[in-house]
Amino acid sequence: MDYETKRHWEMIRFPAGTEWSGRARYAAAMFFYQHGLMDAETLEVYRICSRLDAEDPAAVLRRYKIGVDWLALLEGSVDP
């Protein structure tokens, strides 16, 4: 895994509640979307949550039962 991809994996996993974490997660989500690892519906959840540092986008995805493929990647049960 190259440095840029590794850095975006770190950013997408920033814990909820950390200042500016929502925007960092959204930036990383855009990276994964552009590389074909995330669908548009999942990216939209990250966009909506980008200004809500305390909101965990993964929890939102689980709640609404969307982004199943992305969650499998995020949780490490599938390799990118």
Protein backbone atom coordinates (compact mmCIF):
# COMPACT_ATOMS: atom_id res chain seq x y z
CA MET A 1 0.00 0.00 0.00
CA ASP A 2 1.46 3.36 -0.98
CA TYR A 3 1.85 6.24 1.47
CA GLU A 4 -1.11 8.26 0.15
CA THR A 5 -3.53 5.34 0.43
CA LYS A 6 -2.26 4.48 3.90
CA ARG A 7 -2.73 8.09 5.01
CA HIS A 8 -6.32 8.12 3.74
CA TRP A 9 -7.06 4.88 5.60
CA GLU A 10 -5.86 6.60 8.76
CA MET A 11 -8.01 9.67 8.07
CA ILE A 12 -11.18 7.71 7.31
CA ARG A 13 -10.80 6.04 10.71
CA PHE A 14 -10.41 9.25 12.74
CA PRO A 15 -12.59 8.85 15.82
CA ALA A 16 -15.83 10.77 16.02
CA GLY A 17 -15.65 13.79 18.28
CA THR A 18 -12.16 14.86 17.28
CA GLU A 19 -12.10 18.44 16.00
CA TRP A 20 -12.22 18.57 12.16
CA SER A 21 -12.50 14.78 11.98
CA GLY A 22 -15.67 14.95 9.89
CA ARG A 23 -13.96 16.98 7.19
CA ALA A 24 -10.90 14.73 7.25
CA ARG A 25 -13.09 11.63 6.92
CA TYR A 26 -14.93 13.22 3.99
CA ALA A 27 -11.65 14.08 2.24
CA ALA A 28 -10.56 10.46 2.65
CA ALA A 29 -13.96 9.24 1.48
CA MET A 30 -13.61 11.31 -1.69
CA PHE A 31 -10.21 9.67 -2.28
CA PHE A 32 -11.73 6.18 -1.95
CA TYR A 33 -14.69 7.14 -4.13
CA GLN A 34 -12.35 8.39 -6.86
CA HIS A 35 -10.43 5.11 -6.66
CA GLY A 36 -13.62 3.05 -7.05
CA LEU A 37 -13.69 1.67 -3.51
CA MET A 38 -16.78 3.58 -2.37
CA ASP A 39 -20.12 4.15 -4.07
CA ALA A 40 -21.85 7.52 -4.42
CA GLU A 41 -24.52 6.78 -1.80
CA THR A 42 -21.86 6.03 0.82
CA LEU A 43 -19.88 9.13 -0.15
CA GLU A 44 -23.03 11.19 0.36
CA VAL A 45 -23.28 9.98 3.97
CA TYR A 46 -19.69 11.09 4.54
CA ARG A 47 -20.52 14.46 2.94
CA ILE A 48 -23.52 14.99 5.19
CA CYS A 49 -21.50 14.00 8.26
CA SER A 50 -18.50 16.15 7.28
CA ARG A 51 -19.62 19.10 9.40
CA LEU A 52 -20.70 16.87 12.28
CA ASP A 53 -17.45 15.89 13.95
CA ALA A 54 -19.30 13.91 16.63
CA GLU A 55 -21.26 11.78 14.13
CA ASP A 56 -19.70 8.48 13.03
CA PRO A 57 -20.52 7.93 9.34
CA ALA A 58 -20.00 4.18 9.70
CA ALA A 59 -22.71 4.11 12.38
CA VAL A 60 -25.04 6.04 10.05
CA LEU A 61 -24.34 3.58 7.24
CA ARG A 62 -25.14 0.65 9.54
CA ARG A 63 -28.29 2.35 10.82
CA TYR A 64 -29.68 2.84 7.32
CA LYS A 65 -28.28 -0.45 6.00
CA ILE A 66 -26.31 1.09 3.14
CA GLY A 67 -22.65 0.92 2.16
CA VAL A 68 -22.33 -2.76 3.07
CA ASP A 69 -19.36 -3.28 0.72
CA TRP A 70 -17.61 -0.21 2.10
CA LEU A 71 -18.20 -1.26 5.70
CA ALA A 72 -16.64 -4.66 4.94
CA LEU A 73 -13.51 -2.85 3.67
CA LEU A 74 -13.49 -0.45 6.60
CA GLU A 75 -13.80 -3.25 9.13
CA GLY A 76 -11.07 -5.25 7.40
CA SER A 77 -13.16 -8.29 6.54
CA VAL A 78 -12.41 -7.73 2.83
CA ASP A 79 -9.15 -6.60 1.22
CA PRO A 80 -9.26 -3.47 -0.97
